Amino acid sequence: MTTCSFFPFTHITADQIKTLGAFFRDVQVLDIDGAAAGQAGVAQEGPQACGLVSCPIPHDRALALDRQLADYTAWAQLHRGNEKNLRHLLRDTPYFKSDTDLTSIRSQIISPRDETDRDDTQDPGLFLKLAQRLDRENDTLDTRLRDLEVGMETLMTQLKGDMGSPREHGAETDACADPGRIMPAGRVTAWAALAREAGVFTGDSQVLVTTSPRIFDWMEETATGVINRLDIDSIKVHENDCENKDGWLQDVDNLLDKMIAGPCPDREQGDALKQHSGCCHLSGFLKVRLFSGEILNRTPLIPGRQVAVCLVGLNS
């Protein structure tokens, strides 16, 4: 059976949970600080909901990353990039003692473009922690703005009369909100390194699942070998209260198994994802690619000759 892992983010939003739950029963989520496990426990309930399986990195490693992030954040907030004050911070920071300037710390966050220039002290965990903080803050801001917008529309409706129902919370997704648009190369590389530490890559069949079109596009642009296994732009997606939901999820599981095993004719793709009768109104898209070559050189901790990546999303 194919194992699906959410990729390459460690923060998962309510919209992403909804999308994953529309296609999968269970999805692994890389946990670098314990937050993902908490989200997984309260995200959805019920036999047809998507189960988020936490894959934590070792406890000592997580604590070290927390200390490293706290020290870097404290330095950045107090000194605003003032290099003269860096050595003062380093005196009490054992894991930075070998560093002497801003470039050394910066190299732990942003990977060099040339693999031959990679610094041995570079820690992908610090990059991933900073990316996670950015994603959380943006998610919180987006949620508050949407709540404010819905509240304003409700107020205007009450003042001016019926102007249509206020937009449902989370009903619209701004394409510009895709977190993968920010440093996709660094995200993929850092995620792969920490996923190896957490033991994400287990079993014979693995699919990396993403809700980020930018990450998917970046991998297509970067890989020297790309095999298109599936490309469905619009297909009915069954909702949680639909009697056909369980069969739909099984169809997706079976199809992914076929995609990894070998080519699947177009006619079988349609047969595998049966559009059962029902009153479901959701529409989604599903794409599967096998990547090889340069993409594996950039993410050497992803095992195997090929990386199977599945992009999913909801159209409505």
C-alpha atoms as a PDB file:
ATOM      1  CA  MET A   1       0.000   0.000   0.000  1.00  0.00           C
ATOM      2  CA  THR A   2       1.250   3.477  -0.870  1.00  0.00           C
ATOM      3  CA  THR A   3       2.168   5.818   2.000  1.00  0.00           C
ATOM      4  CA  CYS A   4       1.307   9.495   1.459  1.00  0.00           C
ATOM      5  CA  SER A   5       3.320  12.274   3.121  1.00  0.00           C
ATOM      6  CA  PHE A   6       2.401  15.972   3.196  1.00  0.00           C
ATOM      7  CA  PHE A   7       5.212  17.878   1.508  1.00  0.00           C
ATOM      8  CA  PRO A   8       7.242  20.136   1.884  1.00  0.00           C
ATOM      9  CA  PHE A   9       5.596  22.043   4.770  1.00  0.00           C
ATOM     10  CA  THR A  10       5.485  21.461   8.529  1.00  0.00           C
ATOM     11  CA  HIS A  11       2.582  23.834   9.180  1.00  0.00           C
ATOM     12  CA  ILE A  12      -0.776  22.725   7.821  1.00  0.00           C
ATOM     13  CA  THR A  13      -3.713  25.099   7.418  1.00  0.00           C
ATOM     14  CA  ALA A  14      -7.426  24.372   7.739  1.00  0.00           C
ATOM     15  CA  ASP A  15      -7.820  24.736   3.964  1.00  0.00           C
ATOM     16  CA  GLN A  16      -5.004  22.251   3.355  1.00  0.00           C
ATOM     17  CA  ILE A  17      -6.580  19.776   5.792  1.00  0.00           C
ATOM     18  CA  LYS A  18      -9.882  20.082   3.934  1.00  0.00           C
ATOM     19  CA  THR A  19      -8.148  19.455   0.607  1.00  0.00           C
ATOM     20  CA  LEU A  20      -6.213  16.432   1.855  1.00  0.00           C
ATOM     21  CA  GLY A  21      -9.368  15.010   3.431  1.00  0.00           C
ATOM     22  CA  ALA A  22     -11.103  15.166   0.059  1.00  0.00           C
ATOM     23  CA  PHE A  23      -8.601  12.718  -1.477  1.00  0.00           C
ATOM     24  CA  PHE A  24      -6.898  10.655   1.239  1.00  0.00           C
ATOM     25  CA  ARG A  25      -7.712   8.637   4.350  1.00  0.00           C
ATOM     26  CA  ASP A  26      -4.317   9.056   5.982  1.00  0.00           C
ATOM     27  CA  VAL A  27      -1.424  11.436   5.363  1.00  0.00           C
ATOM     28  CA  GLN A  28       1.871  11.641   7.242  1.00  0.00           C
ATOM     29  CA  VAL A  29       2.883  15.102   8.462  1.00  0.00           C
ATOM     30  CA  LEU A  30       6.474  15.944   9.420  1.00  0.00           C
ATOM     31  CA  ASP A  31       6.488  17.248  13.017  1.00  0.00           C
ATOM     32  CA  ILE A  32       9.545  19.331  13.987  1.00  0.00           C
ATOM     33  CA  ASP A  33       8.169  20.763  17.233  1.00  0.00           C
ATOM     34  CA  GLY A  34       5.102  18.766  18.330  1.00  0.00           C
ATOM     35  CA  ALA A  35       2.558  21.207  16.863  1.00  0.00           C
ATOM     36  CA  ALA A  36       1.545  18.954  13.980  1.00  0.00           C
ATOM     37  CA  ALA A  37       0.414  16.209  16.363  1.00  0.00           C
ATOM     38  CA  GLY A  38      -1.878  18.635  18.155  1.00  0.00           C
ATOM     39  CA  GLN A  39      -3.390  19.831  14.889  1.00  0.00           C
ATOM     40  CA  ALA A  40      -3.869  16.281  13.698  1.00  0.00           C
ATOM     41  CA  GLY A  41      -5.810  15.396  16.828  1.00  0.00           C
ATOM     42  CA  VAL A  42      -8.396  18.144  16.464  1.00  0.00           C
ATOM     43  CA  ALA A  43      -8.502  18.774  12.738  1.00  0.00           C
ATOM     44  CA  GLN A  44     -11.263  16.373  11.707  1.00  0.00           C
ATOM     45  CA  GLU A  45     -13.290  13.588  13.235  1.00  0.00           C
ATOM     46  CA  GLY A  46     -15.279  10.716  11.820  1.00  0.00           C
ATOM     47  CA  PRO A  47     -14.557   7.513   9.892  1.00  0.00           C
ATOM     48  CA  GLN A  48     -14.330   9.314   6.534  1.00  0.00           C
ATOM     49  CA  ALA A  49     -12.103  12.186   7.646  1.00  0.00           C
ATOM     50  CA  CYS A  50      -8.449  12.440   6.707  1.00  0.00           C
ATOM     51  CA  GLY A  51      -6.169  11.166   9.463  1.00  0.00           C
ATOM     52  CA  LEU A  52      -3.005  13.233   9.942  1.00  0.00           C
ATOM     53  CA  VAL A  53      -0.250  10.952  11.195  1.00  0.00           C
ATOM     54  CA  SER A  54       2.486  12.851  13.044  1.00  0.00           C
ATOM     55  CA  CYS A  55       6.089  11.921  12.205  1.00  0.00           C
ATOM     56  CA  PRO A  56       8.215  13.676  14.863  1.00  0.00           C
ATOM     57  CA  ILE A  57      11.945  14.271  14.692  1.00  0.00           C
ATOM     58  CA  PRO A  58      13.944  13.050  17.753  1.00  0.00           C
ATOM     59  CA  HIS A  59      13.120  14.982  20.943  1.00  0.00           C
ATOM     60  CA  ASP A  60      16.684  16.196  21.565  1.00  0.00           C
ATOM     61  CA  ARG A  61      16.903  17.409  17.987  1.00  0.00           C
ATOM     62  CA  ALA A  62      13.647  19.355  18.339  1.00  0.00           C
ATOM     63  CA  LEU A  63      14.866  21.037  21.540  1.00  0.00           C
ATOM     64  CA  ALA A  64      18.149  22.006  19.906  1.00  0.00           C
ATOM     65  CA  LEU A  65      16.301  23.555  16.967  1.00  0.00           C
ATOM     66  CA  ASP A  66      14.064  25.511  19.352  1.00  0.00           C
ATOM     67  CA  ARG A  67      17.123  26.941  21.145  1.00  0.00           C
ATOM     68  CA  GLN A  68      18.828  27.732  17.865  1.00  0.00           C
ATOM     69  CA  LEU A  69      15.751  29.511  16.530  1.00  0.00           C
ATOM     70  CA  ALA A  70      15.258  31.447  19.772  1.00  0.00           C
ATOM     71  CA  ASP A  71      18.853  32.689  19.764  1.00  0.00           C
ATOM     72  CA  TYR A  72      18.780  33.652  16.105  1.00  0.00           C
ATOM     73  CA  THR A  73      15.447  35.437  16.544  1.00  0.00           C
ATOM     74  CA  ALA A  74      16.694  37.289  19.633  1.00  0.00           C
ATOM     75  CA  TRP A  75      19.799  38.458  17.787  1.00  0.00           C
ATOM     76  CA  ALA A  76      17.799  39.518  14.720  1.00  0.00           C
ATOM     77  CA  GLN A  77      15.278  41.488  16.798  1.00  0.00           C
ATOM     78  CA  LEU A  78      17.825  43.229  19.032  1.00  0.00           C
ATOM     79  CA  HIS A  79      20.612  43.967  16.597  1.00  0.00           C
ATOM     80  CA  ARG A  80      18.782  44.241  13.284  1.00  0.00           C
ATOM     81  CA  GLY A  81      21.697  42.756  11.387  1.00  0.00           C
ATOM     82  CA  ASN A  82      24.429  44.717  13.207  1.00  0.00           C
ATOM     83  CA  GLU A  83      27.489  42.524  12.647  1.00  0.00           C
ATOM     84  CA  LYS A  84      29.427  44.239  15.477  1.00  0.00           C
ATOM     85  CA  ASN A  85      27.124  42.678  18.058  1.00  0.00           C
ATOM     86  CA  LEU A  86      27.292  39.141  16.682  1.00  0.00           C
ATOM     87  CA  ARG A  87      30.293  37.954  18.728  1.00  0.00           C
ATOM     88  CA  HIS A  88      28.559  39.006  21.957  1.00  0.00           C
ATOM     89  CA  LEU A  89      25.725  36.612  21.156  1.00  0.00           C
ATOM     90  CA  LEU A  90      28.065  33.820  20.110  1.00  0.00           C
ATOM     91  CA  ARG A  91      29.869  33.708  23.478  1.00  0.00           C
ATOM     92  CA  ASP A  92      26.888  32.009  25.103  1.00  0.00           C
ATOM     93  CA  THR A  93      25.808  29.984  22.106  1.00  0.00           C
ATOM     94  CA  PRO A  94      27.880  26.760  21.856  1.00  0.00           C
ATOM     95  CA  TYR A  95      26.525  25.658  18.485  1.00  0.00           C
ATOM     96  CA  PHE A  96      27.516  28.981  16.900  1.00  0.00           C
ATOM     97  CA  LYS A  97      31.070  29.169  18.335  1.00  0.00           C
ATOM     98  CA  SER A  98      32.681  28.151  15.059  1.00  0.00           C
ATOM     99  CA  ASP A  99      30.947  31.000  13.246  1.00  0.00           C
ATOM    100  CA  THR A 100      32.570  34.418  12.958  1.00  0.00           C
ATOM    101  CA  ASP A 101      30.326  36.570  10.797  1.00  0.00           C
ATOM    102  CA  LEU A 102      26.851  37.050   9.394  1.00  0.00           C
ATOM    103  CA  THR A 103      27.590  34.941   6.340  1.00  0.00           C
ATOM    104  CA  SER A 104      28.074  31.845   8.510  1.00  0.00           C
ATOM    105  CA  ILE A 105      24.699  32.195  10.199  1.00  0.00           C
ATOM    106  CA  ARG A 106      23.019  33.096   6.934  1.00  0.00           C
ATOM    107  CA  SER A 107      24.438  29.950   5.344  1.00  0.00           C
ATOM    108  CA  GLN A 108      22.528  27.893   7.893  1.00  0.00           C
ATOM    109  CA  ILE A 109      19.285  29.356   6.609  1.00  0.00           C
ATOM    110  CA  ILE A 110      19.742  29.729   2.858  1.00  0.00           C
ATOM    111  CA  SER A 111      21.389  26.905   0.932  1.00  0.00           C
ATOM    112  CA  PRO A 112      24.101  27.904  -1.547  1.00  0.00           C
ATOM    113  CA  ARG A 113      23.133  27.458  -5.173  1.00  0.00           C
ATOM    114  CA  ASP A 114      26.309  25.504  -5.860  1.00  0.00           C
ATOM    115  CA  GLU A 115      26.396  22.204  -3.970  1.00  0.00           C
ATOM    116  CA  THR A 116      30.214  22.326  -3.947  1.00  0.00           C
ATOM    117  CA  ASP A 117      30.042  25.479  -1.793  1.00  0.00           C
ATOM    118  CA  ARG A 118      27.822  23.893   0.854  1.00  0.00           C
ATOM    119  CA  ASP A 119      28.901  24.776   4.410  1.00  0.00           C
ATOM    120  CA  ASP A 120      29.240  21.747   6.718  1.00  0.00           C
ATOM    121  CA  THR A 121      27.720  23.787   9.561  1.00  0.00           C
ATOM    122  CA  GLN A 122      24.558  24.445   7.555  1.00  0.00           C
ATOM    123  CA  ASP A 123      21.481  23.137   9.356  1.00  0.00           C
ATOM    124  CA  PRO A 124      18.372  22.605   7.225  1.00  0.00           C
ATOM    125  CA  GLY A 125      16.365  22.405  10.446  1.00  0.00           C
ATOM    126  CA  LEU A 126      16.840  26.117  11.115  1.00  0.00           C
ATOM    127  CA  PHE A 127      15.596  26.989   7.636  1.00  0.00           C
ATOM    128  CA  LEU A 128      12.547  24.751   8.105  1.00  0.00           C
ATOM    129  CA  LYS A 129      11.784  26.276  11.519  1.00  0.00           C
ATOM    130  CA  LEU A 130      11.885  29.777  10.050  1.00  0.00           C
ATOM    131  CA  ALA A 131       9.707  28.694   7.119  1.00  0.00           C
ATOM    132  CA  GLN A 132       7.236  27.132   9.553  1.00  0.00           C
ATOM    133  CA  ARG A 133       7.049  30.328  11.606  1.00  0.00           C
ATOM    134  CA  LEU A 134       6.456  32.360   8.448  1.00  0.00           C
ATOM    135  CA  ASP A 135       3.686  30.000   7.310  1.00  0.00           C
ATOM    136  CA  ARG A 136       1.978  30.091  10.702  1.00  0.00           C
ATOM    137  CA  GLU A 137       2.064  33.860  10.904  1.00  0.00           C
ATOM    138  CA  ASN A 138       0.730  34.227   7.361  1.00  0.00           C
ATOM    139  CA  ASP A 139      -2.001  31.671   8.070  1.00  0.00           C
ATOM    140  CA  THR A 140      -3.063  33.526  11.232  1.00  0.00           C
ATOM    141  CA  LEU A 141      -3.108  36.837   9.366  1.00  0.00           C
ATOM    142  CA  ASP A 142      -5.095  35.400   6.445  1.00  0.00           C
ATOM    143  CA  THR A 143      -7.651  33.862   8.816  1.00  0.00           C
ATOM    144  CA  ARG A 144      -8.147  37.137  10.680  1.00  0.00           C
ATOM    145  CA  LEU A 145      -8.508  39.094   7.448  1.00  0.00           C
ATOM    146  CA  ARG A 146     -11.082  36.655   6.094  1.00  0.00           C
ATOM    147  CA  ASP A 147     -13.018  36.754   9.362  1.00  0.00           C
ATOM    148  CA  LEU A 148     -12.960  40.548   9.200  1.00  0.00           C
ATOM    149  CA  GLU A 149     -14.159  40.530   5.606  1.00  0.00           C
ATOM    150  CA  VAL A 150     -17.030  38.149   6.399  1.00  0.00           C
ATOM    151  CA  GLY A 151     -17.958  40.297   9.399  1.00  0.00           C
ATOM    152  CA  MET A 152     -17.986  43.442   7.290  1.00  0.00           C
ATOM    153  CA  GLU A 153     -20.152  41.803   4.628  1.00  0.00           C
ATOM    154  CA  THR A 154     -22.591  40.619   7.295  1.00  0.00           C
ATOM    155  CA  LEU A 155     -22.770  44.113   8.764  1.00  0.00           C
ATOM    156  CA  MET A 156     -23.362  45.710   5.363  1.00  0.00           C
ATOM    157  CA  THR A 157     -26.091  43.175   4.629  1.00  0.00           C
ATOM    158  CA  GLN A 158     -27.831  44.054   7.880  1.00  0.00           C
ATOM    159  CA  LEU A 159     -27.555  47.793   7.181  1.00  0.00           C
ATOM    160  CA  LYS A 160     -28.497  47.812   3.491  1.00  0.00           C
ATOM    161  CA  GLY A 161     -30.680  44.749   3.191  1.00  0.00           C
ATOM    162  CA  ASP A 162     -30.142  41.433   1.444  1.00  0.00           C
ATOM    163  CA  MET A 163     -27.005  41.605  -0.729  1.00  0.00           C
ATOM    164  CA  GLY A 164     -26.487  37.894  -0.914  1.00  0.00           C
ATOM    165  CA  SER A 165     -25.063  35.571   1.693  1.00  0.00           C
ATOM    166  CA  PRO A 166     -21.658  36.473   3.150  1.00  0.00           C
ATOM    167  CA  ARG A 167     -18.886  34.335   1.781  1.00  0.00           C
ATOM    168  CA  GLU A 168     -18.325  31.191   3.753  1.00  0.00           C
ATOM    169  CA  HIS A 169     -15.115  31.208   5.789  1.00  0.00           C
ATOM    170  CA  GLY A 170     -12.360  29.592   3.751  1.00  0.00           C
ATOM    171  CA  ALA A 171     -14.559  29.253   0.672  1.00  0.00           C
ATOM    172  CA  GLU A 172     -12.153  31.212  -1.536  1.00  0.00           C
ATOM    173  CA  THR A 173      -8.442  30.644  -1.827  1.00  0.00           C
ATOM    174  CA  ASP A 174      -6.107  33.303  -3.166  1.00  0.00           C
ATOM    175  CA  ALA A 175      -3.588  31.709  -5.511  1.00  0.00           C
ATOM    176  CA  CYS A 176      -0.999  34.187  -4.250  1.00  0.00           C
ATOM    177  CA  ALA A 177      -1.327  32.655  -0.774  1.00  0.00           C
ATOM    178  CA  ASP A 178       0.567  29.535  -1.875  1.00  0.00           C
ATOM    179  CA  PRO A 179       3.401  29.286   0.699  1.00  0.00           C
ATOM    180  CA  GLY A 180       5.484  27.298  -1.776  1.00  0.00           C
ATOM    181  CA  ARG A 181       6.085  30.447  -3.814  1.00  0.00           C
ATOM    182  CA  ILE A 182       8.667  31.518  -1.190  1.00  0.00           C
ATOM    183  CA  MET A 183      12.021  29.750  -1.694  1.00  0.00           C
ATOM    184  CA  PRO A 184      10.732  26.404  -3.034  1.00  0.00           C
ATOM    185  CA  ALA A 185      14.232  24.960  -3.460  1.00  0.00           C
ATOM    186  CA  GLY A 186      15.145  25.599   0.166  1.00  0.00           C
ATOM    187  CA  ARG A 187      11.843  24.170   1.378  1.00  0.00           C
ATOM    188  CA  VAL A 188      12.205  20.937  -0.588  1.00  0.00           C
ATOM    189  CA  THR A 189      15.817  20.382   0.472  1.00  0.00           C
ATOM    190  CA  ALA A 190      15.237  21.196   4.142  1.00  0.00           C
ATOM    191  CA  TRP A 191      12.068  19.119   4.338  1.00  0.00           C
ATOM    192  CA  ALA A 192      13.811  16.107   2.799  1.00  0.00           C
ATOM    193  CA  ALA A 193      16.642  16.294   5.347  1.00  0.00           C
ATOM    194  CA  LEU A 194      14.347  16.510   8.390  1.00  0.00           C
ATOM    195  CA  ALA A 195      11.982  13.887   6.983  1.00  0.00           C
ATOM    196  CA  ARG A 196      14.887  11.450   6.894  1.00  0.00           C
ATOM    197  CA  GLU A 197      15.610  12.187  10.565  1.00  0.00           C
ATOM    198  CA  ALA A 198      11.939  11.598  11.436  1.00  0.00           C
ATOM    199  CA  GLY A 199      11.784   8.283   9.571  1.00  0.00           C
ATOM    200  CA  VAL A 200       9.197   9.478   7.067  1.00  0.00           C
ATOM    201  CA  PHE A 201      10.672   7.409   4.246  1.00  0.00           C
ATOM    202  CA  THR A 202       9.564   3.931   5.279  1.00  0.00           C
ATOM    203  CA  GLY A 203       7.948   1.229   3.214  1.00  0.00           C
ATOM    204  CA  ASP A 204       8.411   0.309  -0.412  1.00  0.00           C
ATOM    205  CA  SER A 205       5.911   2.752  -1.938  1.00  0.00           C
ATOM    206  CA  GLN A 206       5.945   6.459  -1.067  1.00  0.00           C
ATOM    207  CA  VAL A 207       4.069   9.433  -2.554  1.00  0.00           C
ATOM    208  CA  LEU A 208       4.825  13.011  -1.570  1.00  0.00           C
ATOM    209  CA  VAL A 209       1.535  14.927  -1.540  1.00  0.00           C
ATOM    210  CA  THR A 210       1.476  18.700  -1.975  1.00  0.00           C
ATOM    211  CA  THR A 211      -1.225  21.345  -2.215  1.00  0.00           C
ATOM    212  CA  SER A 212       1.282  23.849  -3.629  1.00  0.00           C
ATOM    213  CA  PRO A 213       1.207  24.407  -7.420  1.00  0.00           C
ATOM    214  CA  ARG A 214       4.460  26.388  -7.134  1.00  0.00           C
ATOM    215  CA  ILE A 215       6.318  23.478  -5.530  1.00  0.00           C
ATOM    216  CA  PHE A 216       4.970  21.157  -8.220  1.00  0.00           C
ATOM    217  CA  ASP A 217       6.010  23.556 -10.988  1.00  0.00           C
ATOM    218  CA  TRP A 218       9.462  24.062  -9.452  1.00  0.00           C
ATOM    219  CA  MET A 219      10.063  20.314  -9.402  1.00  0.00           C
ATOM    220  CA  GLU A 220       9.041  20.044 -13.054  1.00  0.00           C
ATOM    221  CA  GLU A 221      11.411  22.892 -13.913  1.00  0.00           C
ATOM    222  CA  THR A 222      14.280  21.389 -11.902  1.00  0.00           C
ATOM    223  CA  ALA A 223      14.115  17.676 -12.604  1.00  0.00           C
ATOM    224  CA  THR A 224      15.987  16.316 -15.612  1.00  0.00           C
ATOM    225  CA  GLY A 225      13.545  13.411 -15.811  1.00  0.00           C
ATOM    226  CA  VAL A 226       9.767  13.901 -15.558  1.00  0.00           C
ATOM    227  CA  ILE A 227       7.150  11.208 -16.210  1.00  0.00           C
ATOM    228  CA  ASN A 228       3.514  12.334 -16.327  1.00  0.00           C
ATOM    229  CA  ARG A 229       1.461   9.611 -14.678  1.00  0.00           C
ATOM    230  CA  LEU A 230      -1.803  11.496 -14.215  1.00  0.00           C
ATOM    231  CA  ASP A 231      -3.284  14.886 -15.131  1.00  0.00           C
ATOM    232  CA  ILE A 232      -6.945  15.452 -14.206  1.00  0.00           C
ATOM    233  CA  ASP A 233      -8.001  19.105 -14.110  1.00  0.00           C
ATOM    234  CA  SER A 234     -11.553  18.559 -12.910  1.00  0.00           C
ATOM    235  CA  ILE A 235     -13.252  15.592 -11.280  1.00  0.00           C
ATOM    236  CA  LYS A 236     -16.081  15.204  -8.783  1.00  0.00           C
ATOM    237  CA  VAL A 237     -14.826  14.976  -5.192  1.00  0.00           C
ATOM    238  CA  HIS A 238     -17.167  13.364  -2.690  1.00  0.00           C
ATOM    239  CA  GLU A 239     -17.907  15.190   0.544  1.00  0.00           C
ATOM    240  CA  ASN A 240     -17.710  13.696   4.022  1.00  0.00           C
ATOM    241  CA  ASP A 241     -21.461  13.162   4.353  1.00  0.00           C
ATOM    242  CA  CYS A 242     -21.712  11.418   0.978  1.00  0.00           C
ATOM    243  CA  GLU A 243     -22.388   7.684   1.040  1.00  0.00           C
ATOM    244  CA  ASN A 244     -19.900   7.246  -1.807  1.00  0.00           C
ATOM    245  CA  LYS A 245     -16.995   8.945   0.006  1.00  0.00           C
ATOM    246  CA  ASP A 246     -15.414   5.735   1.268  1.00  0.00           C
ATOM    247  CA  GLY A 247     -15.436   4.170  -2.193  1.00  0.00           C
ATOM    248  CA  TRP A 248     -13.955   7.367  -3.662  1.00  0.00           C
ATOM    249  CA  LEU A 249     -11.051   7.318  -1.210  1.00  0.00           C
ATOM    250  CA  GLN A 250     -10.397   3.662  -2.016  1.00  0.00           C
ATOM    251  CA  ASP A 251     -10.389   4.502  -5.739  1.00  0.00           C
ATOM    252  CA  VAL A 252      -7.715   7.172  -5.139  1.00  0.00           C
ATOM    253  CA  ASP A 253      -5.621   4.717  -3.096  1.00  0.00           C
ATOM    254  CA  ASN A 254      -5.828   2.080  -5.812  1.00  0.00           C
ATOM    255  CA  LEU A 255      -4.982   4.574  -8.539  1.00  0.00           C
ATOM    256  CA  LEU A 256      -1.877   5.832  -6.722  1.00  0.00           C
ATOM    257  CA  ASP A 257      -0.685   2.243  -6.324  1.00  0.00           C
ATOM    258  CA  LYS A 258      -1.027   1.807 -10.101  1.00  0.00           C
ATOM    259  CA  MET A 259       0.698   5.124 -10.807  1.00  0.00           C
ATOM    260  CA  ILE A 260       3.764   4.083  -8.821  1.00  0.00           C
ATOM    261  CA  ALA A 261       3.857   0.566 -10.261  1.00  0.00           C
ATOM    262  CA  GLY A 262       3.769   1.645 -13.898  1.00  0.00           C
ATOM    263  CA  PRO A 263       1.948   3.490 -16.688  1.00  0.00           C
ATOM    264  CA  CYS A 264      -1.836   3.552 -16.487  1.00  0.00           C
ATOM    265  CA  PRO A 265      -3.832   4.019 -19.743  1.00  0.00           C
ATOM    266  CA  ASP A 266      -6.116   7.048 -19.896  1.00  0.00           C
ATOM    267  CA  ARG A 267      -9.249   4.915 -20.045  1.00  0.00           C
ATOM    268  CA  GLU A 268      -8.234   3.170 -16.802  1.00  0.00           C
ATOM    269  CA  GLN A 269      -7.793   6.537 -15.111  1.00  0.00           C
ATOM    270  CA  GLY A 270     -11.444   7.326 -15.747  1.00  0.00           C
ATOM    271  CA  ASP A 271     -12.548   3.871 -14.632  1.00  0.00           C
ATOM    272  CA  ALA A 272     -10.463   4.039 -11.453  1.00  0.00           C
ATOM    273  CA  LEU A 273     -11.941   7.352 -10.298  1.00  0.00           C
ATOM    274  CA  LYS A 274     -15.610   6.507 -10.684  1.00  0.00           C
ATOM    275  CA  GLN A 275     -17.980   9.441 -10.589  1.00  0.00           C
ATOM    276  CA  HIS A 276     -20.651   7.818  -8.451  1.00  0.00           C
ATOM    277  CA  SER A 277     -24.129   9.229  -8.451  1.00  0.00           C
ATOM    278  CA  GLY A 278     -24.903  11.532  -5.562  1.00  0.00           C
ATOM    279  CA  CYS A 279     -25.471  15.114  -4.574  1.00  0.00           C
ATOM    280  CA  CYS A 280     -21.831  16.118  -4.037  1.00  0.00           C
ATOM    281  CA  HIS A 281     -20.860  19.507  -5.429  1.00  0.00           C
ATOM    282  CA  LEU A 282     -17.104  19.634  -4.844  1.00  0.00           C
ATOM    283  CA  SER A 283     -14.729  19.555  -7.800  1.00  0.00           C
ATOM    284  CA  GLY A 284     -11.016  18.901  -7.544  1.00  0.00           C
ATOM    285  CA  PHE A 285      -7.856  18.325  -9.571  1.00  0.00           C
ATOM    286  CA  LEU A 286      -5.291  15.568  -9.269  1.00  0.00           C
ATOM    287  CA  LYS A 287      -1.837  15.359 -10.880  1.00  0.00           C
ATOM    288  CA  VAL A 288       0.905  12.755 -10.433  1.00  0.00           C
ATOM    289  CA  ARG A 289       4.496  12.999 -11.667  1.00  0.00           C
ATOM    290  CA  LEU A 290       7.599  10.849 -11.244  1.00  0.00           C
ATOM    291  CA  PHE A 291      10.725  13.012 -10.899  1.00  0.00           C
ATOM    292  CA  SER A 292      14.340  11.941 -11.293  1.00  0.00           C
ATOM    293  CA  GLY A 293      17.788  13.320 -12.053  1.00  0.00           C
ATOM    294  CA  GLU A 294      18.657  16.805 -10.855  1.00  0.00           C
ATOM    295  CA  ILE A 295      15.816  16.892  -8.330  1.00  0.00           C
ATOM    296  CA  LEU A 296      17.405  13.983  -6.466  1.00  0.00           C
ATOM    297  CA  ASN A 297      20.793  15.693  -6.495  1.00  0.00           C
ATOM    298  CA  ARG A 298      19.225  18.679  -4.727  1.00  0.00           C
ATOM    299  CA  THR A 299      17.415  16.441  -2.237  1.00  0.00           C
ATOM    300  CA  PRO A 300      19.808  13.510  -1.770  1.00  0.00           C
ATOM    301  CA  LEU A 301      18.043  12.329   1.389  1.00  0.00           C
ATOM    302  CA  ILE A 302      14.958  11.278  -0.582  1.00  0.00           C
ATOM    303  CA  PRO A 303      15.710   7.619  -1.304  1.00  0.00           C
ATOM    304  CA  GLY A 304      15.294   5.883  -4.623  1.00  0.00           C
ATOM    305  CA  ARG A 305      15.847   6.688  -8.264  1.00  0.00           C
ATOM    306  CA  GLN A 306      12.515   8.469  -8.632  1.00  0.00           C
ATOM    307  CA  VAL A 307      10.319  10.684  -6.478  1.00  0.00           C
ATOM    308  CA  ALA A 308       6.566  10.351  -6.876  1.00  0.00           C
ATOM    309  CA  VAL A 309       4.739  13.623  -6.216  1.00  0.00           C
ATOM    310  CA  CYS A 310       0.977  14.157  -6.209  1.00  0.00           C
ATOM    311  CA  LEU A 311      -0.585  17.628  -6.476  1.00  0.00           C
ATOM    312  CA  VAL A 312      -4.168  17.920  -5.235  1.00  0.00           C
ATOM    313  CA  GLY A 313      -6.563  20.838  -4.921  1.00  0.00           C
ATOM    314  CA  LEU A 314     -10.223  21.826  -4.839  1.00  0.00           C
ATOM    315  CA  ASN A 315     -11.765  23.853  -7.647  1.00  0.00           C
ATOM    316  CA  SER A 316     -14.865  24.730  -5.676  1.00  0.00           C
END
